Amino acid sequence: MVDNLFQPRCWKIAKVIFKHWSDGVVVFNVDSGNTHLLNPVTARILKTFAEQPADVVQLARHLASQDDIDADDELIAELEKVLIQLDEMGLIESASQ
C-alpha cells in the first residue's frame, strides 16, 4: 500500500453547487465565490464525498468497484494528485472540520 499523507485523512465536500454540462460539471464554491469546470471523473469524486466522507483508499475502492477495476497503488497515487488539486481549490476539506 502507498505510504502517503492522505491515507489517514478523511475528506468531505465543501459547500458547492453543481451544474451539469455535456462535457463536464461546473461547481460553484459557496464560501469562496469561485467557479470551477471539472471533468466527469473529478465530479464523481466530489459526488462520492457528498454522499459520505472518505479517505483516499476508501475513495479508490468505491470508484474502482463502479468501474470494475482494481483499487491498486497506481489508482491511489492518481487520486492523491486530484485530492491535492481539489483541496487547493477549496472544493474538499477535512471531514474533522
Protein backbone atom coordinates (compact mmCIF):
# COMPACT_ATOMS: atom_id res chain seq x y z
CA MET A 1 0.00 0.00 0.00
CA VAL A 2 1.17 3.54 -0.73
CA ASP A 3 2.56 5.41 2.26
CA ASN A 4 1.01 8.87 1.92
CA LEU A 5 -0.34 11.91 3.66
CA PHE A 6 -3.91 11.38 2.53
CA GLN A 7 -4.49 7.77 3.59
CA PRO A 8 -5.46 8.56 7.19
CA ARG A 9 -7.18 11.83 6.28
CA CYS A 10 -10.90 11.66 5.70
CA TRP A 11 -12.28 14.15 3.17
CA LYS A 12 -15.71 15.66 2.60
CA ILE A 13 -17.08 18.02 0.00
CA ALA A 14 -17.06 21.75 0.71
CA LYS A 15 -20.19 23.87 0.22
CA VAL A 16 -20.66 23.73 -3.56
CA ILE A 17 -23.47 23.91 -6.09
CA PHE A 18 -23.31 21.59 -9.12
CA LYS A 19 -24.37 22.40 -12.69
CA HIS A 20 -24.06 19.57 -15.24
CA TRP A 21 -22.97 20.17 -18.84
CA SER A 22 -22.33 17.73 -21.67
CA ASP A 23 -18.52 17.92 -21.34
CA GLY A 24 -18.19 18.26 -17.60
CA VAL A 25 -19.58 19.75 -14.45
CA VAL A 26 -19.36 23.30 -13.17
CA VAL A 27 -19.18 23.74 -9.42
CA PHE A 28 -19.65 26.98 -7.56
CA ASN A 29 -17.87 27.20 -4.21
CA VAL A 30 -20.30 28.98 -1.92
CA ASP A 31 -17.62 30.05 0.58
CA SER A 32 -15.04 31.42 -1.88
CA GLY A 33 -17.34 32.52 -4.70
CA ASN A 34 -15.12 30.69 -7.21
CA THR A 35 -16.47 28.62 -10.09
CA HIS A 36 -14.62 25.59 -11.49
CA LEU A 37 -15.14 23.40 -14.56
CA LEU A 38 -14.48 19.77 -13.66
CA ASN A 39 -14.11 16.74 -15.85
CA PRO A 40 -16.60 13.91 -15.23
CA VAL A 41 -14.17 11.84 -13.14
CA THR A 42 -13.37 14.71 -10.80
CA ALA A 43 -17.08 15.44 -10.49
CA ARG A 44 -17.63 11.79 -9.49
CA ILE A 45 -15.05 12.21 -6.74
CA LEU A 46 -16.90 15.23 -5.36
CA LYS A 47 -20.23 13.41 -5.55
CA THR A 48 -18.71 10.50 -3.66
CA PHE A 49 -17.64 12.87 -0.88
CA ALA A 50 -21.12 14.44 -0.93
CA GLU A 51 -22.59 11.01 -0.17
CA GLN A 52 -20.11 10.18 2.58
CA PRO A 53 -16.69 11.38 3.74
CA ALA A 54 -13.87 9.01 2.78
CA ASP A 55 -10.11 8.67 2.79
CA VAL A 56 -8.17 8.09 -0.41
CA VAL A 57 -8.19 4.28 -0.04
CA GLN A 58 -11.96 4.20 0.53
CA LEU A 59 -12.42 6.54 -2.44
CA ALA A 60 -10.26 4.31 -4.65
CA ARG A 61 -12.23 1.22 -3.63
CA HIS A 62 -15.55 2.97 -4.29
CA LEU A 63 -14.57 4.27 -7.73
CA ALA A 64 -12.86 1.01 -8.69
CA SER A 65 -15.95 -1.02 -7.79
CA GLN A 66 -18.07 1.21 -10.04
CA ASP A 67 -15.69 0.84 -12.98
CA ASP A 68 -14.74 -2.81 -12.36
CA ILE A 69 -11.03 -2.04 -11.96
CA ASP A 70 -8.51 -2.64 -9.19
CA ALA A 71 -8.02 -0.15 -6.39
CA ASP A 72 -4.27 -0.50 -6.70
CA ASP A 73 -1.37 1.75 -5.72
CA GLU A 74 -1.40 3.42 -9.13
CA LEU A 75 -5.05 4.46 -8.78
CA ILE A 76 -4.45 5.68 -5.23
CA ALA A 77 -1.46 7.75 -6.37
CA GLU A 78 -3.52 9.35 -9.15
CA LEU A 79 -6.37 10.09 -6.77
CA GLU A 80 -3.93 11.71 -4.33
CA LYS A 81 -2.95 14.16 -7.07
CA VAL A 82 -6.58 15.01 -7.71
CA LEU A 83 -7.26 15.42 -3.98
CA ILE A 84 -4.37 17.87 -3.69
CA GLN A 85 -5.88 19.94 -6.50
CA LEU A 86 -9.39 19.78 -5.06
CA ASP A 87 -8.06 20.82 -1.65
CA GLU A 88 -6.14 23.73 -3.18
CA MET A 89 -9.32 24.85 -4.98
CA GLY A 90 -11.25 24.65 -1.70
CA LEU A 91 -13.69 22.06 -3.06
CA ILE A 92 -12.92 19.47 -0.39
CA GLU A 93 -12.00 19.77 3.25
CA SER A 94 -11.03 17.58 6.12
CA ALA A 95 -14.07 15.77 7.48
CA SER A 96 -12.98 16.72 11.00
CA GLN A 97 -13.55 20.43 10.22
